[in-house]
Amino acid sequence: MRVVADTNVVTSGLLWGGPSNEILRWARDGLLELIACEETAGELKRVLQHKRFSRRMSALDTSLQQVLAYFMNLATFVPNSTHDPGEIDADPFDNVFLALASEGKTRLIISGDKHLLSLKEYRSVHIVTPSEAARIIETLLT
């Protein structure tokens, strides 16, 4: 199954436990395919440079470079989209995830972002929380 996870899900999964971490472990183990692009990886890098995440990485005895390298090995990278769906005005970067999911032929967008979650679906791609995604994926894996 191909999925897109937004930046907050990836950050949570990389630095903490819970459903977001479980989703990344499934990607690591080849049980699902996490789709990303240069734009989403760039946003992840910018977010992880915030001080609160630096403290968390120190507590985990890891570095920004190690965390980013781990993510780069988890994800399947596709070209940046040239299509802007323009669905979300409040946070225009969220449109990158919509385009990525649509063009990447994914089944799910996994997000904790209210702008994305409020859409519920975009071009037959379901938009769900990490907990909902974990339930869906577990059902398909059993």
N, C-alpha and C. Protein backbone atom coordinates (compact mmCIF):
# COMPACT_ATOMS: atom_id res chain seq x y z
N MET A 1 0.84 -1.17 0.00
CA MET A 1 0.00 0.00 0.00
C MET A 1 0.89 1.24 0.00
N ARG A 2 0.56 2.19 -0.85
CA ARG A 2 1.29 3.45 -0.92
C ARG A 2 0.56 4.50 -0.09
N VAL A 3 1.32 5.25 0.73
CA VAL A 3 0.75 6.28 1.58
C VAL A 3 1.62 7.52 1.55
N VAL A 4 1.01 8.64 1.89
CA VAL A 4 1.71 9.90 2.13
C VAL A 4 1.47 10.25 3.59
N ALA A 5 2.53 10.59 4.29
CA ALA A 5 2.41 11.05 5.67
C ALA A 5 2.88 12.49 5.72
N ASP A 6 2.08 13.36 6.34
CA ASP A 6 2.51 14.75 6.38
C ASP A 6 3.62 14.95 7.41
N THR A 7 4.16 16.13 7.45
CA THR A 7 5.35 16.42 8.24
C THR A 7 5.14 16.15 9.73
N ASN A 8 3.97 16.49 10.26
CA ASN A 8 3.76 16.27 11.71
C ASN A 8 3.73 14.78 12.04
N VAL A 9 3.23 13.97 11.16
CA VAL A 9 3.21 12.53 11.38
C VAL A 9 4.62 11.96 11.31
N VAL A 10 5.37 12.37 10.30
CA VAL A 10 6.74 11.87 10.15
C VAL A 10 7.59 12.31 11.34
N THR A 11 7.48 13.56 11.74
CA THR A 11 8.24 14.07 12.89
C THR A 11 7.91 13.27 14.14
N SER A 12 6.64 13.08 14.39
CA SER A 12 6.21 12.31 15.56
C SER A 12 6.73 10.88 15.49
N GLY A 13 6.63 10.28 14.33
CA GLY A 13 7.07 8.90 14.16
C GLY A 13 8.57 8.73 14.30
N LEU A 14 9.32 9.72 13.87
CA LEU A 14 10.77 9.64 13.97
C LEU A 14 11.28 9.85 15.39
N LEU A 15 10.56 10.66 16.17
CA LEU A 15 11.08 11.06 17.47
C LEU A 15 10.32 10.50 18.67
N TRP A 16 9.16 9.92 18.45
CA TRP A 16 8.37 9.36 19.54
C TRP A 16 7.79 8.01 19.12
N GLY A 17 7.03 7.40 19.99
CA GLY A 17 6.38 6.13 19.69
C GLY A 17 4.98 6.36 19.17
N GLY A 18 4.11 5.39 19.37
CA GLY A 18 2.72 5.52 18.99
C GLY A 18 2.45 5.15 17.55
N PRO A 19 1.24 5.43 17.08
CA PRO A 19 0.83 5.04 15.73
C PRO A 19 1.73 5.61 14.63
N SER A 20 2.20 6.84 14.78
CA SER A 20 3.07 7.42 13.74
C SER A 20 4.36 6.63 13.63
N ASN A 21 4.93 6.22 14.75
CA ASN A 21 6.14 5.42 14.75
C ASN A 21 5.88 4.05 14.14
N GLU A 22 4.73 3.47 14.45
CA GLU A 22 4.36 2.17 13.89
C GLU A 22 4.26 2.23 12.37
N ILE A 23 3.70 3.30 11.85
CA ILE A 23 3.58 3.48 10.40
C ILE A 23 4.96 3.54 9.77
N LEU A 24 5.88 4.28 10.39
CA LEU A 24 7.24 4.35 9.85
C LEU A 24 7.95 3.00 9.93
N ARG A 25 7.69 2.24 10.99
CA ARG A 25 8.29 0.89 11.09
C ARG A 25 7.77 -0.02 9.98
N TRP A 26 6.48 0.09 9.66
CA TRP A 26 5.93 -0.72 8.56
C TRP A 26 6.60 -0.34 7.25
N ALA A 27 6.86 0.96 7.07
CA ALA A 27 7.58 1.40 5.86
C ALA A 27 8.99 0.83 5.86
N ARG A 28 9.65 0.89 7.01
CA ARG A 28 11.01 0.35 7.12
C ARG A 28 11.03 -1.14 6.78
N ASP A 29 10.00 -1.85 7.23
CA ASP A 29 9.94 -3.30 7.02
C ASP A 29 9.37 -3.69 5.65
N GLY A 30 9.04 -2.69 4.82
CA GLY A 30 8.55 -2.96 3.47
C GLY A 30 7.10 -3.38 3.40
N LEU A 31 6.35 -3.17 4.48
CA LEU A 31 4.94 -3.55 4.49
C LEU A 31 4.03 -2.48 3.90
N LEU A 32 4.56 -1.27 3.77
CA LEU A 32 3.87 -0.21 3.06
C LEU A 32 4.91 0.69 2.44
N GLU A 33 4.50 1.49 1.48
CA GLU A 33 5.42 2.37 0.76
C GLU A 33 5.07 3.81 1.10
N LEU A 34 6.00 4.49 1.73
CA LEU A 34 5.84 5.88 2.13
C LEU A 34 6.37 6.76 1.00
N ILE A 35 5.48 7.56 0.40
CA ILE A 35 5.84 8.40 -0.73
C ILE A 35 6.22 9.80 -0.22
N ALA A 36 7.33 10.32 -0.75
CA ALA A 36 7.79 11.66 -0.39
C ALA A 36 8.39 12.31 -1.63
N CYS A 37 8.69 13.59 -1.51
CA CYS A 37 9.36 14.32 -2.59
C CYS A 37 10.35 15.30 -1.96
N GLU A 38 11.11 15.94 -2.79
CA GLU A 38 12.12 16.88 -2.30
C GLU A 38 11.48 17.99 -1.45
N GLU A 39 10.31 18.47 -1.86
CA GLU A 39 9.62 19.53 -1.11
C GLU A 39 9.24 19.07 0.29
N THR A 40 8.70 17.87 0.41
CA THR A 40 8.27 17.40 1.73
C THR A 40 9.48 17.09 2.60
N ALA A 41 10.55 16.58 2.01
CA ALA A 41 11.77 16.33 2.77
C ALA A 41 12.38 17.64 3.24
N GLY A 42 12.32 18.68 2.41
CA GLY A 42 12.82 19.99 2.80
C GLY A 42 12.04 20.57 3.96
N GLU A 43 10.71 20.40 3.93
CA GLU A 43 9.91 20.90 5.05
C GLU A 43 10.24 20.13 6.32
N LEU A 44 10.42 18.82 6.20
CA LEU A 44 10.78 18.01 7.37
C LEU A 44 12.10 18.52 7.97
N LYS A 45 13.07 18.78 7.14
CA LYS A 45 14.36 19.28 7.63
C LYS A 45 14.18 20.61 8.36
N ARG A 46 13.40 21.51 7.78
CA ARG A 46 13.15 22.82 8.42
C ARG A 46 12.49 22.64 9.78
N VAL A 47 11.49 21.77 9.85
CA VAL A 47 10.76 21.55 11.10
C VAL A 47 11.67 20.93 12.15
N LEU A 48 12.45 19.94 11.76
CA LEU A 48 13.32 19.26 12.72
C LEU A 48 14.43 20.17 13.27
N GLN A 49 14.68 21.29 12.63
CA GLN A 49 15.69 22.22 13.11
C GLN A 49 15.19 23.10 14.25
N HIS A 50 13.88 23.03 14.56
CA HIS A 50 13.35 23.81 15.69
C HIS A 50 13.98 23.32 17.00
N LYS A 51 14.15 24.23 17.90
CA LYS A 51 14.83 23.94 19.17
C LYS A 51 14.18 22.78 19.94
N ARG A 52 12.85 22.73 19.98
CA ARG A 52 12.20 21.67 20.76
C ARG A 52 12.54 20.28 20.22
N PHE A 53 12.73 20.17 18.91
CA PHE A 53 13.09 18.88 18.33
C PHE A 53 14.57 18.59 18.52
N SER A 54 15.39 19.62 18.54
CA SER A 54 16.82 19.44 18.82
C SER A 54 17.00 18.83 20.21
N ARG A 55 16.23 19.32 21.16
CA ARG A 55 16.31 18.77 22.53
C ARG A 55 15.88 17.30 22.54
N ARG A 56 14.84 16.97 21.80
CA ARG A 56 14.37 15.59 21.74
C ARG A 56 15.42 14.69 21.10
N MET A 57 16.03 15.15 20.03
CA MET A 57 17.06 14.35 19.37
C MET A 57 18.26 14.14 20.31
N SER A 58 18.61 15.16 21.07
CA SER A 58 19.69 15.01 22.06
C SER A 58 19.33 13.96 23.09
N ALA A 59 18.08 13.99 23.55
CA ALA A 59 17.62 13.01 24.54
C ALA A 59 17.67 11.59 23.97
N LEU A 60 17.47 11.47 22.66
CA LEU A 60 17.52 10.16 22.00
C LEU A 60 18.94 9.80 21.56
N ASP A 61 19.89 10.68 21.84
CA ASP A 61 21.29 10.48 21.46
C ASP A 61 21.43 10.28 19.95
N THR A 62 20.76 11.16 19.20
CA THR A 62 20.83 11.14 17.75
C THR A 62 21.00 12.56 17.24
N SER A 63 21.23 12.69 15.96
CA SER A 63 21.43 14.01 15.37
C SER A 63 20.41 14.25 14.25
N LEU A 64 20.32 15.50 13.85
CA LEU A 64 19.45 15.85 12.74
C LEU A 64 19.84 15.06 11.49
N GLN A 65 21.12 14.96 11.23
CA GLN A 65 21.58 14.23 10.05
C GLN A 65 21.19 12.76 10.10
N GLN A 66 21.30 12.15 11.27
CA GLN A 66 20.92 10.73 11.41
C GLN A 66 19.42 10.53 11.21
N VAL A 67 18.63 11.43 11.78
CA VAL A 67 17.17 11.33 11.66
C VAL A 67 16.77 11.51 10.20
N LEU A 68 17.35 12.50 9.53
CA LEU A 68 17.02 12.73 8.12
C LEU A 68 17.48 11.56 7.24
N ALA A 69 18.65 11.01 7.52
CA ALA A 69 19.14 9.86 6.75
C ALA A 69 18.19 8.67 6.92
N TYR A 70 17.72 8.45 8.14
CA TYR A 70 16.78 7.36 8.39
C TYR A 70 15.51 7.56 7.55
N PHE A 71 14.98 8.79 7.56
CA PHE A 71 13.78 9.08 6.78
C PHE A 71 14.03 8.87 5.29
N MET A 72 15.17 9.36 4.80
CA MET A 72 15.47 9.24 3.37
C MET A 72 15.51 7.77 2.93
N ASN A 73 15.91 6.89 3.83
CA ASN A 73 15.95 5.46 3.52
C ASN A 73 14.58 4.80 3.64
N LEU A 74 13.67 5.42 4.37
CA LEU A 74 12.32 4.87 4.53
C LEU A 74 11.43 5.17 3.33
N ALA A 75 11.58 6.37 2.80
CA ALA A 75 10.63 6.88 1.82
C ALA A 75 11.03 6.51 0.40
N THR A 76 10.00 6.42 -0.44
CA THR A 76 10.19 6.32 -1.88
C THR A 76 10.00 7.73 -2.42
N PHE A 77 11.05 8.25 -3.05
CA PHE A 77 10.98 9.62 -3.54
C PHE A 77 10.49 9.67 -4.97
N VAL A 78 9.58 10.61 -5.20
CA VAL A 78 9.02 10.86 -6.52
C VAL A 78 9.29 12.32 -6.85
N PRO A 79 9.17 12.70 -8.11
CA PRO A 79 9.41 14.11 -8.47
C PRO A 79 8.42 15.05 -7.77
N ASN A 80 8.88 16.27 -7.52
CA ASN A 80 7.97 17.29 -6.99
C ASN A 80 6.81 17.47 -7.96
N SER A 81 5.65 17.73 -7.42
CA SER A 81 4.48 17.94 -8.25
C SER A 81 4.53 19.33 -8.88
N THR A 82 4.04 19.42 -10.09
CA THR A 82 3.89 20.73 -10.72
C THR A 82 2.45 21.20 -10.63
N HIS A 83 1.61 20.35 -10.07
CA HIS A 83 0.18 20.64 -9.94
C HIS A 83 -0.11 21.14 -8.54
N ASP A 84 -0.76 22.28 -8.43
CA ASP A 84 -1.20 22.80 -7.13
C ASP A 84 -2.72 22.71 -7.08
N PRO A 85 -3.24 21.78 -6.27
CA PRO A 85 -4.69 21.62 -6.23
C PRO A 85 -5.43 22.84 -5.70
N GLY A 86 -4.74 23.69 -4.93
CA GLY A 86 -5.38 24.90 -4.42
C GLY A 86 -6.55 24.65 -3.50
N GLU A 87 -6.61 23.49 -2.90
CA GLU A 87 -7.73 23.13 -2.02
C GLU A 87 -7.65 23.82 -0.66
N ILE A 88 -6.44 24.06 -0.17
CA ILE A 88 -6.26 24.55 1.19
C ILE A 88 -5.58 25.91 1.14
N ASP A 89 -6.34 26.95 1.45
CA ASP A 89 -5.79 28.31 1.44
C ASP A 89 -5.12 28.66 2.76
N ALA A 90 -5.62 28.11 3.87
CA ALA A 90 -5.11 28.47 5.20
C ALA A 90 -3.65 28.05 5.39
N ASP A 91 -3.25 26.95 4.79
CA ASP A 91 -1.86 26.48 4.86
C ASP A 91 -1.50 25.92 3.49
N PRO A 92 -1.07 26.78 2.57
CA PRO A 92 -0.85 26.35 1.19
C PRO A 92 0.11 25.17 1.03
N PHE A 93 1.05 24.98 1.96
CA PHE A 93 1.96 23.84 1.80
C PHE A 93 1.22 22.51 1.88
N ASP A 94 0.09 22.47 2.56
CA ASP A 94 -0.69 21.24 2.64
C ASP A 94 -1.10 20.75 1.26
N ASN A 95 -1.22 21.66 0.30
CA ASN A 95 -1.57 21.27 -1.07
C ASN A 95 -0.51 20.37 -1.69
N VAL A 96 0.73 20.48 -1.22
CA VAL A 96 1.80 19.62 -1.72
C VAL A 96 1.47 18.16 -1.40
N PHE A 97 0.95 17.90 -0.20
CA PHE A 97 0.60 16.53 0.19
C PHE A 97 -0.56 16.00 -0.64
N LEU A 98 -1.53 16.87 -0.96
CA LEU A 98 -2.65 16.45 -1.81
C LEU A 98 -2.15 16.07 -3.20
N ALA A 99 -1.33 16.92 -3.78
CA ALA A 99 -0.81 16.64 -5.13
C ALA A 99 0.06 15.39 -5.12
N LEU A 100 0.90 15.26 -4.10
CA LEU A 100 1.78 14.10 -3.99
C LEU A 100 0.97 12.80 -3.90
N ALA A 101 -0.08 12.82 -3.10
CA ALA A 101 -0.92 11.63 -2.95
C ALA A 101 -1.66 11.30 -4.24
N SER A 102 -2.18 12.31 -4.88
CA SER A 102 -2.93 12.10 -6.11
C SER A 102 -2.03 11.58 -7.23
N GLU A 103 -0.89 12.23 -7.42
CA GLU A 103 0.02 11.83 -8.49
C GLU A 103 0.76 10.54 -8.16
N GLY A 104 0.97 10.28 -6.86
CA GLY A 104 1.68 9.08 -6.44
C GLY A 104 0.79 7.86 -6.31
N LYS A 105 -0.48 8.04 -6.66
CA LYS A 105 -1.44 6.93 -6.62
C LYS A 105 -1.44 6.22 -5.26
N THR A 106 -1.58 7.03 -4.21
CA THR A 106 -1.61 6.48 -2.87
C THR A 106 -3.04 6.21 -2.43
N ARG A 107 -3.16 5.42 -1.38
CA ARG A 107 -4.49 5.12 -0.84
C ARG A 107 -4.84 6.01 0.33
N LEU A 108 -3.81 6.49 1.05
CA LEU A 108 -4.05 7.29 2.25
C LEU A 108 -3.12 8.48 2.32
N ILE A 109 -3.64 9.57 2.87
CA ILE A 109 -2.83 10.66 3.39
C ILE A 109 -2.99 10.56 4.90
N ILE A 110 -1.88 10.43 5.59
CA ILE A 110 -1.91 10.29 7.05
C ILE A 110 -1.49 11.63 7.63
N SER A 111 -2.36 12.20 8.45
CA SER A 111 -2.12 13.57 8.91
C SER A 111 -2.71 13.82 10.28
N GLY A 112 -2.11 14.78 10.97
CA GLY A 112 -2.69 15.31 12.20
C GLY A 112 -3.13 16.74 11.97
N ASP A 113 -3.07 17.20 10.75
CA ASP A 113 -3.36 18.59 10.39
C ASP A 113 -4.85 18.78 10.14
N LYS A 114 -5.43 19.73 10.84
CA LYS A 114 -6.88 19.95 10.74
C LYS A 114 -7.32 20.36 9.33
N HIS A 115 -6.45 21.08 8.61
CA HIS A 115 -6.83 21.50 7.26
C HIS A 115 -6.96 20.30 6.33
N LEU A 116 -6.03 19.38 6.42
CA LEU A 116 -6.11 18.18 5.60
C LEU A 116 -7.23 17.26 6.08
N LEU A 117 -7.30 17.03 7.38
CA LEU A 117 -8.30 16.10 7.92
C LEU A 117 -9.73 16.57 7.63
N SER A 118 -9.94 17.87 7.57
CA SER A 118 -11.30 18.37 7.32
C SER A 118 -11.79 18.01 5.91
N LEU A 119 -10.86 17.75 4.98
CA LEU A 119 -11.27 17.34 3.63
C LEU A 119 -11.80 15.91 3.60
N LYS A 120 -11.28 15.06 4.49
CA LYS A 120 -11.65 13.65 4.59
C LYS A 120 -11.20 12.80 3.39
N GLU A 121 -11.24 13.37 2.20
CA GLU A 121 -10.86 12.63 0.99
C GLU A 121 -10.47 13.64 -0.09
N TYR A 122 -9.53 13.23 -0.92
CA TYR A 122 -9.14 14.05 -2.07
C TYR A 122 -8.88 13.12 -3.23
N ARG A 123 -9.68 13.22 -4.26
CA ARG A 123 -9.54 12.38 -5.46
C ARG A 123 -9.40 10.89 -5.11
N SER A 124 -10.31 10.43 -4.30
CA SER A 124 -10.38 9.02 -3.87
C SER A 124 -9.27 8.60 -2.92
N VAL A 125 -8.48 9.54 -2.43
CA VAL A 125 -7.45 9.25 -1.43
C VAL A 125 -8.04 9.66 -0.08
N HIS A 126 -8.14 8.70 0.83
CA HIS A 126 -8.69 8.99 2.16
C HIS A 126 -7.65 9.72 3.00
N ILE A 127 -8.11 10.70 3.77
CA ILE A 127 -7.24 11.48 4.65
C ILE A 127 -7.61 11.12 6.07
N VAL A 128 -6.66 10.50 6.78
CA VAL A 128 -6.95 9.94 8.10
C VAL A 128 -5.86 10.29 9.11
N THR A 129 -6.19 10.16 10.37
CA THR A 129 -5.22 10.37 11.44
C THR A 129 -4.27 9.16 11.51
N PRO A 130 -3.15 9.31 12.22
CA PRO A 130 -2.26 8.16 12.37
C PRO A 130 -2.95 6.96 13.03
N SER A 131 -3.80 7.20 14.01
CA SER A 131 -4.51 6.09 14.67
C SER A 131 -5.44 5.37 13.69
N GLU A 132 -6.17 6.15 12.90
CA GLU A 132 -7.05 5.54 11.90
C GLU A 132 -6.23 4.78 10.86
N ALA A 133 -5.13 5.36 10.43
CA ALA A 133 -4.28 4.69 9.45
C ALA A 133 -3.74 3.38 9.99
N ALA A 134 -3.30 3.39 11.24
CA ALA A 134 -2.77 2.16 11.85
C ALA A 134 -3.83 1.06 11.86
N ARG A 135 -5.07 1.42 12.19
CA ARG A 135 -6.16 0.43 12.19
C ARG A 135 -6.40 -0.12 10.78
N ILE A 136 -6.43 0.76 9.80
CA ILE A 136 -6.65 0.34 8.41
C ILE A 136 -5.53 -0.57 7.94
N ILE A 137 -4.31 -0.17 8.19
CA ILE A 137 -3.16 -0.94 7.73
C ILE A 137 -3.07 -2.28 8.45
N GLU A 138 -3.32 -2.29 9.76
CA GLU A 138 -3.31 -3.56 10.50
C GLU A 138 -4.32 -4.53 9.94
N THR A 139 -5.50 -4.03 9.60
CA THR A 139 -6.55 -4.89 9.02
C THR A 139 -6.07 -5.51 7.70
N LEU A 140 -5.37 -4.72 6.89
CA LEU A 140 -4.89 -5.24 5.62
C LEU A 140 -3.72 -6.19 5.78
N LEU A 141 -2.96 -6.04 6.87
CA LEU A 141 -1.79 -6.90 7.09
C LEU A 141 -2.16 -8.26 7.69
N THR A 142 -3.35 -8.34 8.28
CA THR A 142 -3.72 -9.62 8.93
C THR A 142 -4.57 -10.47 8.03
